[in-house]
Amino acid sequence: MRAELIDRAKDEKEFPGRLHTAKYPWDQWFDGRIWRLVKGEDFDVSEVNMRSSIYVAAKRLGKSATVSVQPDALYIQALSVNGKADGK
């Protein structure tokens, strides 16, 4: 019976219903350059929430990030895990 179940089961290439696309262009923003992000233009959450999102996204991508919260914008730069800018 076990062999019959294995023969009927099929492996799939993608998990159904998981078509998640990133809300922000992390690959671009984490290219090592210093980016100025303006609330209402580049992000739509509070500065505190965006700063947290930046740190989480960087960790997920195997990087770290430095963030400076200024009155007019957030300034971010991706760093490699050794603390050096990931610039090209």
C-alpha atoms as a PDB file:
ATOM      1  CA  MET A   1       0.000   0.000   0.000  1.00  0.00           C
ATOM      2  CA  ARG A   2       2.827   2.452   0.819  1.00  0.00           C
ATOM      3  CA  ALA A   3       4.356   2.025  -2.656  1.00  0.00           C
ATOM      4  CA  GLU A   4       0.953   2.762  -4.231  1.00  0.00           C
ATOM      5  CA  LEU A   5       0.684   6.034  -2.285  1.00  0.00           C
ATOM      6  CA  ILE A   6       4.172   7.089  -3.312  1.00  0.00           C
ATOM      7  CA  ASP A   7       3.426   6.292  -6.949  1.00  0.00           C
ATOM      8  CA  ARG A   8       0.293   8.469  -6.870  1.00  0.00           C
ATOM      9  CA  ALA A   9       1.908  11.444  -5.158  1.00  0.00           C
ATOM     10  CA  LYS A  10       3.488  14.060  -7.397  1.00  0.00           C
ATOM     11  CA  ASP A  11       6.158  16.590  -6.617  1.00  0.00           C
ATOM     12  CA  GLU A  12       5.467  20.171  -7.599  1.00  0.00           C
ATOM     13  CA  LYS A  13       7.784  22.962  -8.727  1.00  0.00           C
ATOM     14  CA  GLU A  14       5.987  25.727  -6.812  1.00  0.00           C
ATOM     15  CA  PHE A  15       3.823  25.921  -3.726  1.00  0.00           C
ATOM     16  CA  PRO A  16       0.303  27.051  -4.725  1.00  0.00           C
ATOM     17  CA  GLY A  17      -0.911  30.408  -3.503  1.00  0.00           C
ATOM     18  CA  ARG A  18       2.531  31.756  -2.638  1.00  0.00           C
ATOM     19  CA  LEU A  19       3.118  34.448  -5.189  1.00  0.00           C
ATOM     20  CA  HIS A  20       4.741  36.872  -2.779  1.00  0.00           C
ATOM     21  CA  THR A  21       6.563  39.756  -4.326  1.00  0.00           C
ATOM     22  CA  ALA A  22       8.636  42.140  -2.253  1.00  0.00           C
ATOM     23  CA  LYS A  23       6.993  45.439  -1.449  1.00  0.00           C
ATOM     24  CA  TYR A  24      10.312  47.259  -1.690  1.00  0.00           C
ATOM     25  CA  PRO A  25      13.244  46.886  -4.143  1.00  0.00           C
ATOM     26  CA  TRP A  26      15.634  45.402  -1.580  1.00  0.00           C
ATOM     27  CA  ASP A  27      18.110  44.148  -4.186  1.00  0.00           C
ATOM     28  CA  GLN A  28      18.489  47.679  -5.516  1.00  0.00           C
ATOM     29  CA  TRP A  29      18.575  49.363  -2.113  1.00  0.00           C
ATOM     30  CA  PHE A  30      21.073  46.811  -0.781  1.00  0.00           C
ATOM     31  CA  ASP A  31      23.645  47.303  -3.547  1.00  0.00           C
ATOM     32  CA  GLY A  32      26.101  49.075  -1.223  1.00  0.00           C
ATOM     33  CA  ARG A  33      25.311  52.633  -2.233  1.00  0.00           C
ATOM     34  CA  ILE A  34      23.815  55.098   0.239  1.00  0.00           C
ATOM     35  CA  TRP A  35      20.107  55.520  -0.447  1.00  0.00           C
ATOM     36  CA  ARG A  36      17.826  58.363   0.699  1.00  0.00           C
ATOM     37  CA  LEU A  37      14.282  57.087   1.304  1.00  0.00           C
ATOM     38  CA  VAL A  38      11.468  59.586   1.742  1.00  0.00           C
ATOM     39  CA  LYS A  39       8.292  58.718   3.636  1.00  0.00           C
ATOM     40  CA  GLY A  40       5.264  58.894   1.334  1.00  0.00           C
ATOM     41  CA  GLU A  41       7.436  58.464  -1.760  1.00  0.00           C
ATOM     42  CA  ASP A  42       9.595  55.410  -1.083  1.00  0.00           C
ATOM     43  CA  PHE A  43       7.759  53.865   1.868  1.00  0.00           C
ATOM     44  CA  ASP A  44       4.387  54.284   3.541  1.00  0.00           C
ATOM     45  CA  VAL A  45       4.931  53.145   7.121  1.00  0.00           C
ATOM     46  CA  SER A  46       6.430  54.969  10.085  1.00  0.00           C
ATOM     47  CA  GLU A  47      10.143  55.597  10.103  1.00  0.00           C
ATOM     48  CA  VAL A  48      10.532  53.238  13.069  1.00  0.00           C
ATOM     49  CA  ASN A  49       8.698  50.422  11.248  1.00  0.00           C
ATOM     50  CA  MET A  50      10.666  51.020   8.059  1.00  0.00           C
ATOM     51  CA  ARG A  51      13.947  50.909   9.954  1.00  0.00           C
ATOM     52  CA  SER A  52      12.929  47.549  11.423  1.00  0.00           C
ATOM     53  CA  SER A  53      11.896  46.275   7.982  1.00  0.00           C
ATOM     54  CA  ILE A  54      15.278  47.284   6.580  1.00  0.00           C
ATOM     55  CA  TYR A  55      17.149  45.346   9.266  1.00  0.00           C
ATOM     56  CA  VAL A  56      14.944  42.255   8.795  1.00  0.00           C
ATOM     57  CA  ALA A  57      15.284  42.335   4.990  1.00  0.00           C
ATOM     58  CA  ALA A  58      19.051  42.756   5.217  1.00  0.00           C
ATOM     59  CA  LYS A  59      19.357  39.766   7.534  1.00  0.00           C
ATOM     60  CA  ARG A  60      17.142  37.663   5.261  1.00  0.00           C
ATOM     61  CA  LEU A  61      19.437  38.510   2.330  1.00  0.00           C
ATOM     62  CA  GLY A  62      22.607  37.685   4.256  1.00  0.00           C
ATOM     63  CA  LYS A  63      23.638  41.295   4.759  1.00  0.00           C
ATOM     64  CA  SER A  64      23.541  43.895   7.454  1.00  0.00           C
ATOM     65  CA  ALA A  65      22.497  47.494   7.090  1.00  0.00           C
ATOM     66  CA  THR A  66      23.136  50.849   8.615  1.00  0.00           C
ATOM     67  CA  VAL A  67      20.197  53.237   8.889  1.00  0.00           C
ATOM     68  CA  SER A  68      20.177  56.918   9.768  1.00  0.00           C
ATOM     69  CA  VAL A  69      16.800  58.421  10.628  1.00  0.00           C
ATOM     70  CA  GLN A  70      16.805  62.115   9.756  1.00  0.00           C
ATOM     71  CA  PRO A  71      13.939  64.635   9.847  1.00  0.00           C
ATOM     72  CA  ASP A  72      13.605  64.622   6.050  1.00  0.00           C
ATOM     73  CA  ALA A  73      14.343  60.966   5.195  1.00  0.00           C
ATOM     74  CA  LEU A  74      15.911  57.644   6.082  1.00  0.00           C
ATOM     75  CA  TYR A  75      19.419  57.036   4.794  1.00  0.00           C
ATOM     76  CA  ILE A  76      20.392  53.403   4.350  1.00  0.00           C
ATOM     77  CA  GLN A  77      23.424  51.465   3.237  1.00  0.00           C
ATOM     78  CA  ALA A  78      23.800  47.710   2.971  1.00  0.00           C
ATOM     79  CA  LEU A  79      26.881  46.137   4.440  1.00  0.00           C
ATOM     80  CA  SER A  80      28.296  42.682   3.990  1.00  0.00           C
ATOM     81  CA  VAL A  81      28.373  40.547   7.098  1.00  0.00           C
ATOM     82  CA  ASN A  82      31.961  41.676   7.734  1.00  0.00           C
ATOM     83  CA  GLY A  83      30.750  45.307   8.009  1.00  0.00           C
ATOM     84  CA  LYS A  84      32.076  46.574   4.664  1.00  0.00           C
ATOM     85  CA  ALA A  85      29.915  48.376   2.107  1.00  0.00           C
ATOM     86  CA  ASP A  86      28.564  46.028  -0.530  1.00  0.00           C
ATOM     87  CA  GLY A  87      29.221  48.499  -3.347  1.00  0.00           C
ATOM     88  CA  LYS A  88      29.943  47.448  -6.887  1.00  0.00           C
END
